[in-house]
Amino acid sequence: MNPNNWNIFIAASLLAFTLNAHADTKPKPDIQHIIATEQDNTASCGVVNAHMTYLDSHGQQRVLNYSKFADNCADGS
């Protein structure tokens, strides 16, 4: 492997480590009961926007927006 490839590899590894280290610092949502889940419609397999409506431990209705693979990606491709 040439030196430039090593530098790219090391930089990518450090970035991945940093992102992973900060992933656990976000507070977890207080989900007590899921009311509904929805996702954007798509004809092809890919990442879509999704929304989960839920009740927290205080009985307040909240919405969590996130990205996920579409439901028609059954084989993971």
Protein backbone atom coordinates (compact mmCIF):
# COMPACT_ATOMS: atom_id res chain seq x y z
CA MET A 1 0.00 0.00 0.00
CA ASN A 2 1.49 3.35 -0.93
CA PRO A 3 1.85 6.15 1.69
CA ASN A 4 -1.08 8.17 0.31
CA ASN A 5 -3.42 5.19 0.72
CA TRP A 6 -2.22 4.71 4.31
CA ASN A 7 -2.97 8.37 5.09
CA ILE A 8 -6.48 8.02 3.69
CA PHE A 9 -6.99 4.77 5.60
CA ILE A 10 -5.80 6.31 8.88
CA ALA A 11 -7.95 9.43 8.40
CA ALA A 12 -11.04 7.35 7.61
CA SER A 13 -10.40 5.11 10.62
CA LEU A 14 -10.07 8.08 12.96
CA LEU A 15 -13.25 9.63 11.58
CA ALA A 16 -15.16 6.36 12.04
CA PHE A 17 -13.83 6.00 15.60
CA THR A 18 -14.81 9.59 16.44
CA LEU A 19 -18.32 9.22 15.02
CA ASN A 20 -18.81 5.91 16.83
CA ALA A 21 -17.57 7.38 20.12
CA HIS A 22 -20.11 10.21 19.89
CA ALA A 23 -22.99 7.98 18.79
CA ASP A 24 -23.65 6.83 22.36
CA THR A 25 -23.68 10.35 23.84
CA LYS A 26 -27.09 11.28 22.46
CA PRO A 27 -29.96 10.80 24.90
CA LYS A 28 -32.24 7.88 24.12
CA PRO A 29 -35.87 8.77 23.33
CA ASP A 30 -38.34 8.12 26.15
CA ILE A 31 -40.62 5.71 24.27
CA GLN A 32 -43.35 4.07 26.34
CA HIS A 33 -45.90 3.21 23.64
CA ILE A 34 -45.62 3.31 19.84
CA ILE A 35 -48.75 4.69 18.19
CA ALA A 36 -47.75 4.49 14.51
CA THR A 37 -44.81 4.19 12.13
CA GLU A 38 -44.75 5.58 8.60
CA GLN A 39 -42.21 5.87 5.80
CA ASP A 40 -42.00 7.79 2.54
CA ASN A 41 -43.23 5.81 -0.46
CA THR A 42 -40.66 4.61 -2.97
CA ALA A 43 -40.75 2.13 -5.83
CA SER A 44 -37.12 1.14 -5.42
CA CYS A 45 -34.99 -0.18 -2.61
CA GLY A 46 -33.09 2.58 -0.85
CA VAL A 47 -32.97 4.89 2.16
CA VAL A 48 -36.23 6.67 2.98
CA ASN A 49 -37.43 9.10 5.63
CA ALA A 50 -39.47 7.45 8.37
CA HIS A 51 -41.56 8.78 11.25
CA MET A 52 -42.59 7.11 14.49
CA THR A 53 -45.37 8.60 16.60
CA TYR A 54 -45.18 7.53 20.24
CA LEU A 55 -46.13 8.37 23.81
CA ASP A 56 -43.40 9.20 26.32
CA SER A 57 -43.46 8.32 30.02
CA HIS A 58 -45.46 11.50 30.73
CA GLY A 59 -48.17 10.55 28.23
CA GLN A 60 -47.11 13.25 25.75
CA GLN A 61 -47.35 12.38 22.07
CA ARG A 62 -44.07 12.85 20.19
CA VAL A 63 -42.71 12.16 16.71
CA LEU A 64 -39.27 10.71 15.98
CA ASN A 65 -37.95 11.33 12.46
CA TYR A 66 -35.22 9.02 11.16
CA SER A 67 -33.81 7.38 8.02
CA LYS A 68 -34.06 3.68 7.21
CA PHE A 69 -33.99 1.24 4.32
CA ALA A 70 -37.36 0.98 2.57
CA ASP A 71 -39.56 -1.98 3.45
CA ASN A 72 -39.18 -3.31 -0.11
CA CYS A 73 -35.47 -3.96 0.58
CA ALA A 74 -36.28 -7.44 1.91
CA ASP A 75 -33.03 -9.05 0.78
CA GLY A 76 -30.84 -6.20 2.07
CA SER A 77 -29.71 -5.08 -1.40
